[in-house]
Amino acid sequence: MKLYTYDPAPNPRRLALFMKLKGIEIDTQQVDMMTAEQLTDAYRQINPACSVPALVLDDGTLLTEVIGMYSYLEELYPEPPLMGATPGERALVISWSHKLFCGLMMAIASALRNRGKSFVNRALPGPLDTPQIPEMVERGLMQIGHILPELDAHLANSTWVAGDNFSVADIDLLVSIDFLSWIKQAVPDECTHLKDWYQRANAHLG
């Protein structure tokens, strides 16, 4: 296998934390997003989606979505389990991972990419140049303001995001919380359960 990634970015960090907990080491090449290396012809030959991370399997299969990489690597390296130990647990973990990606991470990305010169005509990742829509910034902030208290209420009665065990859903939430700083936002002070969870998650990751 070979992994193409860019360590500082949120999606690569999700996978990096997963691999850290599993003790997985993969041949890795950095793709410098600061110089738009992901858009070069050379990288497009590897991953036409122009995204990171990208995992090329031994048979040449290309995985471009973190949830797919989680699933594949979980099968190869089942300990410690990070995607649930039963069908029900696995369904819950994947559901939470999807909810966090769509409801929080994408909202933060929307608020980030739809303003500022750095993302002019790059409001969406990938090979297609897309114009910024300023209204998407406000919509993203509105989504963030809704989901953080919702998560706080959920974590009032749950040690981890998807139940009693640490999972990729916790990795996804932790990375998303840290991603908030990219748009100069933070967890509100009144979200005490979410803040407590954040401390537990960081301690778990060492």
N, C-alpha and C. Protein backbone atom coordinates (compact mmCIF):
# COMPACT_ATOMS: atom_id res chain seq x y z
N MET A 1 0.84 -1.20 0.00
CA MET A 1 0.00 0.00 0.00
C MET A 1 0.87 1.24 0.00
N LYS A 2 0.29 2.32 -0.52
CA LYS A 2 0.96 3.61 -0.44
C LYS A 2 -0.07 4.68 -0.13
N LEU A 3 0.27 5.56 0.80
CA LEU A 3 -0.61 6.63 1.24
C LEU A 3 -0.07 7.97 0.77
N TYR A 4 -0.95 8.73 0.13
CA TYR A 4 -0.65 10.10 -0.25
C TYR A 4 -1.45 11.01 0.68
N THR A 5 -0.77 11.94 1.33
CA THR A 5 -1.45 12.70 2.36
C THR A 5 -0.81 14.07 2.54
N TYR A 6 -1.41 14.87 3.42
CA TYR A 6 -0.85 16.18 3.80
C TYR A 6 -1.19 16.36 5.27
N ASP A 7 -0.23 16.13 6.11
CA ASP A 7 -0.46 15.98 7.55
C ASP A 7 -1.29 17.09 8.20
N PRO A 8 -1.11 18.37 7.87
CA PRO A 8 -1.85 19.40 8.60
C PRO A 8 -3.36 19.44 8.32
N ALA A 9 -3.80 18.87 7.21
CA ALA A 9 -5.20 19.00 6.81
C ALA A 9 -6.11 18.07 7.61
N PRO A 10 -7.37 18.46 7.79
CA PRO A 10 -8.28 17.68 8.66
C PRO A 10 -8.51 16.24 8.23
N ASN A 11 -8.84 15.99 6.98
CA ASN A 11 -9.11 14.61 6.57
C ASN A 11 -7.88 13.72 6.70
N PRO A 12 -6.69 14.17 6.27
CA PRO A 12 -5.51 13.36 6.54
C PRO A 12 -5.27 13.12 8.03
N ARG A 13 -5.60 14.11 8.86
CA ARG A 13 -5.39 13.92 10.30
C ARG A 13 -6.32 12.86 10.85
N ARG A 14 -7.55 12.78 10.36
CA ARG A 14 -8.46 11.71 10.79
C ARG A 14 -7.80 10.36 10.60
N LEU A 15 -7.27 10.13 9.41
CA LEU A 15 -6.66 8.84 9.11
C LEU A 15 -5.39 8.64 9.93
N ALA A 16 -4.61 9.69 10.11
CA ALA A 16 -3.36 9.58 10.87
C ALA A 16 -3.63 9.16 12.31
N LEU A 17 -4.66 9.71 12.94
CA LEU A 17 -4.99 9.34 14.32
C LEU A 17 -5.47 7.90 14.39
N PHE A 18 -6.25 7.49 13.41
CA PHE A 18 -6.71 6.10 13.33
C PHE A 18 -5.50 5.15 13.25
N MET A 19 -4.56 5.47 12.36
CA MET A 19 -3.38 4.63 12.19
C MET A 19 -2.52 4.63 13.44
N LYS A 20 -2.44 5.76 14.12
CA LYS A 20 -1.66 5.84 15.36
C LYS A 20 -2.20 4.88 16.41
N LEU A 21 -3.53 4.89 16.60
CA LEU A 21 -4.13 4.01 17.60
C LEU A 21 -3.98 2.54 17.22
N LYS A 22 -3.97 2.26 15.94
CA LYS A 22 -3.82 0.88 15.47
C LYS A 22 -2.37 0.42 15.40
N GLY A 23 -1.44 1.38 15.43
CA GLY A 23 -0.04 1.03 15.24
C GLY A 23 0.28 0.65 13.81
N ILE A 24 -0.43 1.26 12.85
CA ILE A 24 -0.25 0.94 11.44
C ILE A 24 0.80 1.86 10.82
N GLU A 25 1.72 1.28 10.08
CA GLU A 25 2.70 2.05 9.33
C GLU A 25 2.57 1.71 7.85
N ILE A 26 2.42 2.75 7.04
CA ILE A 26 2.24 2.59 5.59
C ILE A 26 3.22 3.51 4.88
N ASP A 27 3.78 3.06 3.78
CA ASP A 27 4.64 3.90 2.94
C ASP A 27 3.85 5.17 2.57
N THR A 28 4.40 6.33 2.92
CA THR A 28 3.63 7.57 2.83
C THR A 28 4.39 8.63 2.06
N GLN A 29 3.66 9.37 1.24
CA GLN A 29 4.22 10.51 0.52
C GLN A 29 3.37 11.74 0.78
N GLN A 30 4.01 12.83 1.18
CA GLN A 30 3.31 14.08 1.42
C GLN A 30 2.98 14.77 0.10
N VAL A 31 1.79 15.34 0.04
CA VAL A 31 1.34 16.12 -1.12
C VAL A 31 1.11 17.55 -0.61
N ASP A 32 1.94 18.47 -1.03
CA ASP A 32 1.94 19.82 -0.46
C ASP A 32 0.76 20.64 -0.98
N MET A 33 -0.27 20.73 -0.17
CA MET A 33 -1.45 21.49 -0.57
C MET A 33 -1.19 23.00 -0.57
N MET A 34 -0.19 23.46 0.15
CA MET A 34 0.12 24.88 0.17
C MET A 34 0.64 25.38 -1.18
N THR A 35 1.19 24.45 -1.96
CA THR A 35 1.63 24.80 -3.31
C THR A 35 0.72 24.21 -4.37
N ALA A 36 -0.47 23.72 -3.92
CA ALA A 36 -1.46 23.13 -4.83
C ALA A 36 -0.91 21.92 -5.59
N GLU A 37 -0.05 21.15 -4.93
CA GLU A 37 0.49 19.96 -5.57
C GLU A 37 -0.59 18.95 -5.91
N GLN A 38 -1.71 19.00 -5.15
CA GLN A 38 -2.80 18.06 -5.41
C GLN A 38 -3.48 18.31 -6.75
N LEU A 39 -3.21 19.47 -7.35
CA LEU A 39 -3.82 19.81 -8.64
C LEU A 39 -2.89 19.59 -9.82
N THR A 40 -1.68 19.14 -9.57
CA THR A 40 -0.72 18.94 -10.65
C THR A 40 -1.09 17.72 -11.49
N ASP A 41 -0.60 17.71 -12.71
CA ASP A 41 -0.86 16.57 -13.60
C ASP A 41 -0.31 15.28 -13.01
N ALA A 42 0.84 15.38 -12.36
CA ALA A 42 1.46 14.17 -11.79
C ALA A 42 0.56 13.55 -10.73
N TYR A 43 -0.02 14.39 -9.86
CA TYR A 43 -0.89 13.82 -8.82
C TYR A 43 -2.24 13.40 -9.39
N ARG A 44 -2.72 14.09 -10.39
CA ARG A 44 -3.98 13.67 -11.02
C ARG A 44 -3.87 12.27 -11.60
N GLN A 45 -2.67 11.89 -12.03
CA GLN A 45 -2.47 10.53 -12.54
C GLN A 45 -2.66 9.50 -11.44
N ILE A 46 -2.37 9.90 -10.21
CA ILE A 46 -2.54 9.01 -9.07
C ILE A 46 -3.96 9.06 -8.56
N ASN A 47 -4.49 10.28 -8.38
CA ASN A 47 -5.83 10.48 -7.84
C ASN A 47 -6.54 11.57 -8.62
N PRO A 48 -7.36 11.21 -9.59
CA PRO A 48 -8.07 12.22 -10.39
C PRO A 48 -8.99 13.12 -9.57
N ALA A 49 -9.34 12.69 -8.35
CA ALA A 49 -10.18 13.52 -7.49
C ALA A 49 -9.41 14.69 -6.88
N CYS A 50 -8.08 14.68 -7.02
CA CYS A 50 -7.24 15.78 -6.54
C CYS A 50 -7.42 16.03 -5.05
N SER A 51 -7.56 14.97 -4.29
CA SER A 51 -7.80 15.11 -2.85
C SER A 51 -6.79 14.28 -2.07
N VAL A 52 -6.66 14.61 -0.80
CA VAL A 52 -5.88 13.82 0.14
C VAL A 52 -6.73 13.61 1.39
N PRO A 53 -6.53 12.46 2.06
CA PRO A 53 -5.60 11.40 1.72
C PRO A 53 -6.11 10.55 0.56
N ALA A 54 -5.19 9.84 -0.03
CA ALA A 54 -5.52 8.83 -1.04
C ALA A 54 -4.70 7.60 -0.72
N LEU A 55 -5.35 6.46 -0.67
CA LEU A 55 -4.67 5.21 -0.33
C LEU A 55 -4.73 4.26 -1.52
N VAL A 56 -3.56 3.90 -2.03
CA VAL A 56 -3.47 2.95 -3.15
C VAL A 56 -3.17 1.58 -2.56
N LEU A 57 -4.08 0.63 -2.78
CA LEU A 57 -3.90 -0.71 -2.24
C LEU A 57 -2.91 -1.51 -3.07
N ASP A 58 -2.51 -2.65 -2.55
CA ASP A 58 -1.50 -3.45 -3.23
C ASP A 58 -1.95 -3.91 -4.62
N ASP A 59 -3.25 -4.04 -4.81
CA ASP A 59 -3.75 -4.47 -6.13
C ASP A 59 -4.04 -3.30 -7.05
N GLY A 60 -3.68 -2.09 -6.62
CA GLY A 60 -3.88 -0.90 -7.45
C GLY A 60 -5.18 -0.16 -7.20
N THR A 61 -6.07 -0.73 -6.39
CA THR A 61 -7.33 -0.05 -6.06
C THR A 61 -7.04 1.26 -5.33
N LEU A 62 -7.76 2.31 -5.72
CA LEU A 62 -7.58 3.62 -5.12
C LEU A 62 -8.75 3.93 -4.18
N LEU A 63 -8.43 4.25 -2.95
CA LEU A 63 -9.44 4.71 -1.99
C LEU A 63 -9.22 6.20 -1.74
N THR A 64 -10.29 6.99 -1.89
CA THR A 64 -10.17 8.44 -1.74
C THR A 64 -10.99 8.99 -0.57
N GLU A 65 -11.79 8.15 0.08
CA GLU A 65 -12.63 8.63 1.18
C GLU A 65 -12.15 8.00 2.49
N VAL A 66 -12.04 8.82 3.51
CA VAL A 66 -11.50 8.35 4.79
C VAL A 66 -12.33 7.21 5.36
N ILE A 67 -13.65 7.29 5.25
CA ILE A 67 -14.50 6.24 5.81
C ILE A 67 -14.19 4.90 5.15
N GLY A 68 -13.87 4.90 3.85
CA GLY A 68 -13.48 3.67 3.15
C GLY A 68 -12.15 3.15 3.64
N MET A 69 -11.20 4.07 3.89
CA MET A 69 -9.90 3.68 4.42
C MET A 69 -10.03 3.11 5.83
N TYR A 70 -10.86 3.77 6.65
CA TYR A 70 -11.15 3.22 7.98
C TYR A 70 -11.61 1.77 7.86
N SER A 71 -12.60 1.55 7.00
CA SER A 71 -13.22 0.23 6.89
C SER A 71 -12.22 -0.83 6.42
N TYR A 72 -11.44 -0.47 5.42
CA TYR A 72 -10.47 -1.42 4.87
C TYR A 72 -9.41 -1.78 5.91
N LEU A 73 -8.85 -0.75 6.53
CA LEU A 73 -7.78 -0.99 7.50
C LEU A 73 -8.29 -1.67 8.77
N GLU A 74 -9.54 -1.41 9.14
CA GLU A 74 -10.13 -2.08 10.30
C GLU A 74 -10.20 -3.59 10.07
N GLU A 75 -10.47 -4.00 8.84
CA GLU A 75 -10.51 -5.43 8.52
C GLU A 75 -9.12 -6.05 8.62
N LEU A 76 -8.11 -5.32 8.18
CA LEU A 76 -6.75 -5.85 8.21
C LEU A 76 -6.15 -5.81 9.61
N TYR A 77 -6.52 -4.78 10.36
CA TYR A 77 -5.95 -4.57 11.70
C TYR A 77 -7.10 -4.39 12.68
N PRO A 78 -7.72 -5.46 13.12
CA PRO A 78 -8.94 -5.35 13.93
C PRO A 78 -8.75 -4.87 15.36
N GLU A 79 -7.52 -4.85 15.84
CA GLU A 79 -7.26 -4.43 17.23
C GLU A 79 -6.46 -3.14 17.29
N PRO A 80 -6.84 -2.23 18.15
CA PRO A 80 -8.11 -2.23 18.89
C PRO A 80 -9.26 -1.89 17.97
N PRO A 81 -10.45 -2.41 18.23
CA PRO A 81 -11.59 -2.11 17.36
C PRO A 81 -11.99 -0.64 17.46
N LEU A 82 -12.09 0.00 16.31
CA LEU A 82 -12.46 1.42 16.28
C LEU A 82 -13.73 1.68 15.48
N MET A 83 -14.36 0.59 15.01
CA MET A 83 -15.59 0.75 14.24
C MET A 83 -16.71 -0.14 14.78
N GLY A 84 -16.64 -0.47 16.07
CA GLY A 84 -17.68 -1.29 16.66
C GLY A 84 -17.34 -2.76 16.63
N ALA A 85 -17.83 -3.48 17.63
CA ALA A 85 -17.55 -4.91 17.74
C ALA A 85 -18.71 -5.77 17.28
N THR A 86 -19.88 -5.17 17.07
CA THR A 86 -21.07 -5.90 16.62
C THR A 86 -21.67 -5.15 15.43
N PRO A 87 -22.57 -5.80 14.66
CA PRO A 87 -23.20 -5.09 13.55
C PRO A 87 -23.92 -3.81 14.00
N GLY A 88 -24.58 -3.88 15.15
CA GLY A 88 -25.28 -2.70 15.65
C GLY A 88 -24.33 -1.58 16.01
N GLU A 89 -23.23 -1.94 16.68
CA GLU A 89 -22.24 -0.93 17.05
C GLU A 89 -21.60 -0.32 15.81
N ARG A 90 -21.30 -1.17 14.83
CA ARG A 90 -20.67 -0.68 13.60
C ARG A 90 -21.61 0.29 12.88
N ALA A 91 -22.89 -0.04 12.83
CA ALA A 91 -23.86 0.85 12.18
C ALA A 91 -23.93 2.19 12.89
N LEU A 92 -23.88 2.16 14.21
CA LEU A 92 -23.95 3.40 14.99
C LEU A 92 -22.70 4.25 14.77
N VAL A 93 -21.55 3.62 14.77
CA VAL A 93 -20.30 4.37 14.56
C VAL A 93 -20.28 5.01 13.18
N ILE A 94 -20.64 4.25 12.15
CA ILE A 94 -20.63 4.79 10.79
C ILE A 94 -21.66 5.91 10.65
N SER A 95 -22.81 5.75 11.28
CA SER A 95 -23.84 6.79 11.23
C SER A 95 -23.33 8.09 11.86
N TRP A 96 -22.69 7.98 13.00
CA TRP A 96 -22.15 9.17 13.66
C TRP A 96 -21.03 9.78 12.85
N SER A 97 -20.17 8.97 12.27
CA SER A 97 -19.09 9.48 11.44
C SER A 97 -19.64 10.27 10.27
N HIS A 98 -20.68 9.74 9.64
CA HIS A 98 -21.31 10.43 8.51
C HIS A 98 -21.97 11.74 8.97
N LYS A 99 -22.66 11.68 10.09
CA LYS A 99 -23.32 12.87 10.63
C LYS A 99 -22.31 13.97 10.92
N LEU A 100 -21.19 13.61 11.53
CA LEU A 100 -20.18 14.61 11.87
C LEU A 100 -19.50 15.17 10.63
N PHE A 101 -19.26 14.32 9.65
CA PHE A 101 -18.63 14.80 8.42
C PHE A 101 -19.54 15.78 7.69
N CYS A 102 -20.80 15.39 7.53
CA CYS A 102 -21.74 16.24 6.78
C CYS A 102 -22.21 17.45 7.58
N GLY A 103 -22.43 17.25 8.89
CA GLY A 103 -23.05 18.31 9.69
C GLY A 103 -22.09 19.28 10.33
N LEU A 104 -20.83 18.86 10.55
CA LEU A 104 -19.88 19.74 11.22
C LEU A 104 -18.66 20.02 10.36
N MET A 105 -17.96 19.00 9.93
CA MET A 105 -16.74 19.23 9.17
C MET A 105 -17.01 19.99 7.87
N MET A 106 -18.06 19.62 7.15
CA MET A 106 -18.38 20.30 5.91
C MET A 106 -18.87 21.73 6.16
N ALA A 107 -19.52 21.94 7.29
CA ALA A 107 -19.95 23.30 7.63
C ALA A 107 -18.74 24.19 7.90
N ILE A 108 -17.75 23.66 8.60
CA ILE A 108 -16.53 24.42 8.85
C ILE A 108 -15.81 24.69 7.53
N ALA A 109 -15.70 23.67 6.69
CA ALA A 109 -15.04 23.84 5.40
C ALA A 109 -15.75 24.88 4.55
N SER A 110 -17.07 24.88 4.61
CA SER A 110 -17.84 25.86 3.84
C SER A 110 -17.56 27.28 4.31
N ALA A 111 -17.51 27.46 5.63
CA ALA A 111 -17.21 28.78 6.17
C ALA A 111 -15.78 29.21 5.83
N LEU A 112 -14.88 28.25 5.73
CA LEU A 112 -13.48 28.55 5.41
C LEU A 112 -13.28 28.88 3.94
N ARG A 113 -13.83 28.04 3.07
CA ARG A 113 -13.49 28.11 1.66
C ARG A 113 -14.29 29.15 0.88
N ASN A 114 -15.36 29.65 1.46
CA ASN A 114 -16.18 30.62 0.73
C ASN A 114 -15.86 32.07 1.06
N ARG A 115 -14.71 32.29 1.70
CA ARG A 115 -14.25 33.65 1.95
C ARG A 115 -12.73 33.68 1.86
N GLY A 116 -12.19 34.84 1.57
CA GLY A 116 -10.74 35.00 1.54
C GLY A 116 -10.12 34.68 0.20
N LYS A 117 -8.98 35.29 -0.05
CA LYS A 117 -8.31 35.15 -1.34
C LYS A 117 -7.71 33.77 -1.54
N SER A 118 -7.41 33.08 -0.45
CA SER A 118 -6.74 31.78 -0.57
C SER A 118 -7.57 30.76 -1.33
N PHE A 119 -8.91 30.92 -1.30
CA PHE A 119 -9.78 29.93 -1.92
C PHE A 119 -10.63 30.51 -3.05
N VAL A 120 -10.18 31.58 -3.67
CA VAL A 120 -10.88 32.13 -4.82
C VAL A 120 -10.96 31.06 -5.91
N ASN A 121 -12.17 30.79 -6.36
CA ASN A 121 -12.45 29.73 -7.36
C ASN A 121 -12.09 28.33 -6.85
N ARG A 122 -11.91 28.18 -5.53
CA ARG A 122 -11.62 26.87 -4.94
C ARG A 122 -12.54 26.63 -3.75
N ALA A 123 -13.82 27.00 -3.92
CA ALA A 123 -14.77 26.88 -2.81
C ALA A 123 -15.06 25.42 -2.47
N LEU A 124 -14.79 24.52 -3.39
CA LEU A 124 -14.93 23.09 -3.14
C LEU A 124 -13.62 22.40 -3.50
N PRO A 125 -13.21 21.39 -2.74
CA PRO A 125 -12.01 20.64 -3.12
C PRO A 125 -12.27 19.82 -4.37
N GLY A 126 -11.20 19.39 -5.02
CA GLY A 126 -11.37 18.55 -6.20
C GLY A 126 -10.89 19.23 -7.46
N PRO A 127 -11.10 18.58 -8.60
CA PRO A 127 -10.55 19.07 -9.86
C PRO A 127 -11.33 20.24 -10.47
N LEU A 128 -12.54 20.49 -10.00
CA LEU A 128 -13.39 21.50 -10.60
C LEU A 128 -13.22 22.84 -9.89
N ASP A 129 -12.89 23.89 -10.63
CA ASP A 129 -12.84 25.23 -10.05
C ASP A 129 -14.26 25.71 -9.78
N THR A 130 -14.52 26.09 -8.54
CA THR A 130 -15.87 26.51 -8.15
C THR A 130 -15.81 27.86 -7.46
N PRO A 131 -16.72 28.78 -7.81
CA PRO A 131 -16.69 30.14 -7.24
C PRO A 131 -17.13 30.15 -5.78
N GLN A 132 -16.64 31.11 -5.06
CA GLN A 132 -17.07 31.32 -3.68
C GLN A 132 -18.48 31.90 -3.65
N ILE A 133 -19.24 31.49 -2.64
CA ILE A 133 -20.58 32.02 -2.41
C ILE A 133 -20.59 32.56 -0.98
N PRO A 134 -20.49 33.88 -0.80
CA PRO A 134 -20.38 34.45 0.54
C PRO A 134 -21.47 34.00 1.51
N GLU A 135 -22.68 33.78 0.99
CA GLU A 135 -23.77 33.35 1.86
C GLU A 135 -23.50 31.99 2.51
N MET A 136 -22.63 31.19 1.88
CA MET A 136 -22.31 29.88 2.43
C MET A 136 -21.50 29.99 3.73
N VAL A 137 -20.81 31.11 3.90
CA VAL A 137 -20.08 31.33 5.15
C VAL A 137 -21.06 31.41 6.31
N GLU A 138 -22.09 32.24 6.14
CA GLU A 138 -23.09 32.41 7.20
C GLU A 138 -23.86 31.12 7.44
N ARG A 139 -24.16 30.41 6.36
CA ARG A 139 -24.87 29.15 6.53
C ARG A 139 -24.03 28.14 7.30
N GLY A 140 -22.72 28.09 6.98
CA GLY A 140 -21.84 27.19 7.69
C GLY A 140 -21.77 27.52 9.18
N LEU A 141 -21.67 28.81 9.49
CA LEU A 141 -21.62 29.23 10.90
C LEU A 141 -22.93 28.90 11.62
N MET A 142 -24.03 29.03 10.90
CA MET A 142 -25.32 28.69 11.49
C MET A 142 -25.40 27.19 11.80
N GLN A 143 -24.92 26.37 10.88
CA GLN A 143 -24.91 24.92 11.11
C GLN A 143 -24.04 24.57 12.31
N ILE A 144 -22.88 25.20 12.42
CA ILE A 144 -21.99 24.95 13.54
C ILE A 144 -22.66 25.33 14.85
N GLY A 145 -23.31 26.50 14.86
CA GLY A 145 -23.99 26.95 16.06
C GLY A 145 -25.12 26.05 16.49
N HIS A 146 -25.67 25.29 15.56
CA HIS A 146 -26.74 24.35 15.90
C HIS A 146 -26.20 23.02 16.40
N ILE A 147 -25.18 22.49 15.74
CA ILE A 147 -24.76 21.12 16.06
C ILE A 147 -23.92 21.03 17.33
N LEU A 148 -23.17 22.07 17.68
CA LEU A 148 -22.33 21.97 18.87
C LEU A 148 -23.16 21.79 20.15
N PRO A 149 -24.21 22.59 20.39
CA PRO A 149 -25.05 22.33 21.56
C PRO A 149 -25.75 20.97 21.49
N GLU A 150 -26.08 20.54 20.29
CA GLU A 150 -26.71 19.22 20.12
C GLU A 150 -25.74 18.12 20.55
N LEU A 151 -24.49 18.25 20.16
CA LEU A 151 -23.47 17.28 20.56
C LEU A 151 -23.23 17.34 22.07
N ASP A 152 -23.26 18.54 22.62
CA ASP A 152 -23.07 18.71 24.06
C ASP A 152 -24.16 17.96 24.83
N ALA A 153 -25.39 18.09 24.38
CA ALA A 153 -26.50 17.40 25.04
C ALA A 153 -26.35 15.89 24.93
N HIS A 154 -25.92 15.43 23.77
CA HIS A 154 -25.71 13.99 23.58
C HIS A 154 -24.64 13.46 24.53
N LEU A 155 -23.55 14.20 24.66
CA LEU A 155 -22.42 13.75 25.46
C LEU A 155 -22.66 13.89 26.96
N ALA A 156 -23.76 14.51 27.33
CA ALA A 156 -24.14 14.55 28.75
C ALA A 156 -24.44 13.15 29.27
N ASN A 157 -24.82 12.25 28.36
CA ASN A 157 -25.23 10.90 28.77
C ASN A 157 -24.44 9.81 28.06
N SER A 158 -23.30 10.17 27.47
CA SER A 158 -22.51 9.19 26.73
C SER A 158 -21.03 9.50 26.91
N THR A 159 -20.26 8.50 27.32
CA THR A 159 -18.83 8.71 27.51
C THR A 159 -18.15 9.04 26.20
N TRP A 160 -18.51 8.29 25.16
CA TRP A 160 -17.95 8.51 23.83
C TRP A 160 -19.07 8.78 22.85
N VAL A 161 -18.74 9.23 21.66
CA VAL A 161 -19.75 9.69 20.71
C VAL A 161 -20.73 8.59 20.35
N ALA A 162 -20.22 7.39 20.07
CA ALA A 162 -21.08 6.31 19.58
C ALA A 162 -21.31 5.23 20.63
N GLY A 163 -21.25 5.61 21.92
CA GLY A 163 -21.55 4.62 22.95
C GLY A 163 -20.47 4.52 24.00
N ASP A 164 -20.21 3.31 24.46
CA ASP A 164 -19.30 3.09 25.58
C ASP A 164 -17.83 2.99 25.19
N ASN A 165 -17.57 2.87 23.90
CA ASN A 165 -16.20 2.65 23.45
C ASN A 165 -15.72 3.75 22.50
N PHE A 166 -14.46 4.13 22.63
CA PHE A 166 -13.85 5.10 21.72
C PHE A 166 -13.88 4.53 20.31
N SER A 167 -14.19 5.37 19.33
CA SER A 167 -14.32 4.91 17.95
C SER A 167 -13.87 6.00 16.98
N VAL A 168 -13.97 5.67 15.69
CA VAL A 168 -13.63 6.67 14.68
C VAL A 168 -14.55 7.89 14.75
N ALA A 169 -15.74 7.73 15.32
CA ALA A 169 -16.62 8.88 15.49
C ALA A 169 -15.99 9.91 16.43
N ASP A 170 -15.28 9.41 17.45
CA ASP A 170 -14.58 10.32 18.36
C ASP A 170 -13.40 10.98 17.67
N ILE A 171 -12.69 10.23 16.84
CA ILE A 171 -11.61 10.83 16.06
C ILE A 171 -12.17 11.94 15.18
N ASP A 172 -13.28 11.67 14.51
CA ASP A 172 -13.86 12.65 13.60
C ASP A 172 -14.31 13.91 14.33
N LEU A 173 -14.89 13.73 15.51
CA LEU A 173 -15.32 14.91 16.27
C LEU A 173 -14.12 15.70 16.77
N LEU A 174 -13.10 15.03 17.27
CA LEU A 174 -11.94 15.74 17.77
C LEU A 174 -11.27 16.55 16.66
N VAL A 175 -11.10 15.95 15.50
CA VAL A 175 -10.50 16.67 14.38
C VAL A 175 -11.37 17.85 13.97
N SER A 176 -12.67 17.67 13.98
CA SER A 176 -13.58 18.76 13.63
C SER A 176 -13.49 19.90 14.63
N ILE A 177 -13.42 19.58 15.92
CA ILE A 177 -13.29 20.62 16.95
C ILE A 177 -12.01 21.42 16.73
N ASP A 178 -10.91 20.73 16.45
CA ASP A 178 -9.66 21.43 16.20
C ASP A 178 -9.73 22.24 14.90
N PHE A 179 -10.49 21.76 13.93
CA PHE A 179 -10.66 22.46 12.65
C PHE A 179 -11.37 23.80 12.85
N LEU A 180 -12.14 23.94 13.91
CA LEU A 180 -12.84 25.19 14.18
C LEU A 180 -11.87 26.38 14.27
N SER A 181 -10.67 26.13 14.75
CA SER A 181 -9.71 27.23 14.91
C SER A 181 -9.32 27.83 13.55
N TRP A 182 -9.48 27.06 12.48
CA TRP A 182 -9.16 27.58 11.15
C TRP A 182 -10.10 28.71 10.74
N ILE A 183 -11.29 28.75 11.36
CA ILE A 183 -12.22 29.83 11.06
C ILE A 183 -12.45 30.71 12.30
N LYS A 184 -11.48 30.62 13.23
CA LYS A 184 -11.50 31.45 14.45
C LYS A 184 -12.78 31.24 15.27
N GLN A 185 -13.20 29.98 15.36
CA GLN A 185 -14.34 29.60 16.18
C GLN A 185 -13.88 28.60 17.24
N ALA A 186 -14.72 28.39 18.25
CA ALA A 186 -14.39 27.45 19.32
C ALA A 186 -15.67 26.92 19.93
N VAL A 187 -15.54 25.85 20.71
CA VAL A 187 -16.69 25.31 21.42
C VAL A 187 -17.16 26.34 22.44
N PRO A 188 -18.45 26.68 22.45
CA PRO A 188 -18.95 27.65 23.43
C PRO A 188 -18.70 27.20 24.87
N ASP A 189 -18.46 28.16 25.75
CA ASP A 189 -18.16 27.85 27.15
C ASP A 189 -19.27 27.04 27.81
N GLU A 190 -20.51 27.28 27.39
CA GLU A 190 -21.62 26.58 28.03
C GLU A 190 -21.72 25.10 27.63
N CYS A 191 -20.97 24.69 26.61
CA CYS A 191 -20.99 23.28 26.18
C CYS A 191 -19.99 22.49 27.03
N THR A 192 -20.28 22.39 28.32
CA THR A 192 -19.34 21.77 29.25
C THR A 192 -19.14 20.28 29.02
N HIS A 193 -20.19 19.58 28.61
CA HIS A 193 -20.07 18.14 28.36
C HIS A 193 -19.17 17.89 27.15
N LEU A 194 -19.31 18.72 26.14
CA LEU A 194 -18.47 18.60 24.95
C LEU A 194 -17.01 18.92 25.30
N LYS A 195 -16.80 19.91 26.13
CA LYS A 195 -15.44 20.24 26.55
C LYS A 195 -14.82 19.11 27.37
N ASP A 196 -15.61 18.51 28.25
CA ASP A 196 -15.11 17.39 29.04
C ASP A 196 -14.75 16.21 28.14
N TRP A 197 -15.64 15.95 27.18
CA TRP A 197 -15.35 14.87 26.21
C TRP A 197 -14.05 15.16 25.47
N TYR A 198 -13.82 16.40 25.07
CA TYR A 198 -12.63 16.77 24.33
C TYR A 198 -11.37 16.44 25.13
N GLN A 199 -11.40 16.70 26.43
CA GLN A 199 -10.27 16.36 27.28
C GLN A 199 -10.06 14.86 27.35
N ARG A 200 -11.16 14.10 27.47
CA ARG A 200 -11.05 12.63 27.51
C ARG A 200 -10.47 12.10 26.20
N ALA A 201 -10.94 12.64 25.09
CA ALA A 201 -10.50 12.15 23.78
C ALA A 201 -9.02 12.42 23.58
N ASN A 202 -8.57 13.60 23.93
CA ASN A 202 -7.14 13.91 23.79
C ASN A 202 -6.29 13.00 24.67
N ALA A 203 -6.77 12.74 25.88
CA ALA A 203 -6.03 11.84 26.78
C ALA A 203 -5.97 10.43 26.21
N HIS A 204 -7.07 9.98 25.60
CA HIS A 204 -7.12 8.64 25.02
C HIS A 204 -6.12 8.52 23.86
N LEU A 205 -5.98 9.57 23.10
CA LEU A 205 -5.09 9.55 21.96
C LEU A 205 -3.62 9.73 22.36
N GLY A 206 -3.42 10.13 23.61
CA GLY A 206 -2.05 10.27 24.11
C GLY A 206 -1.35 11.44 23.52
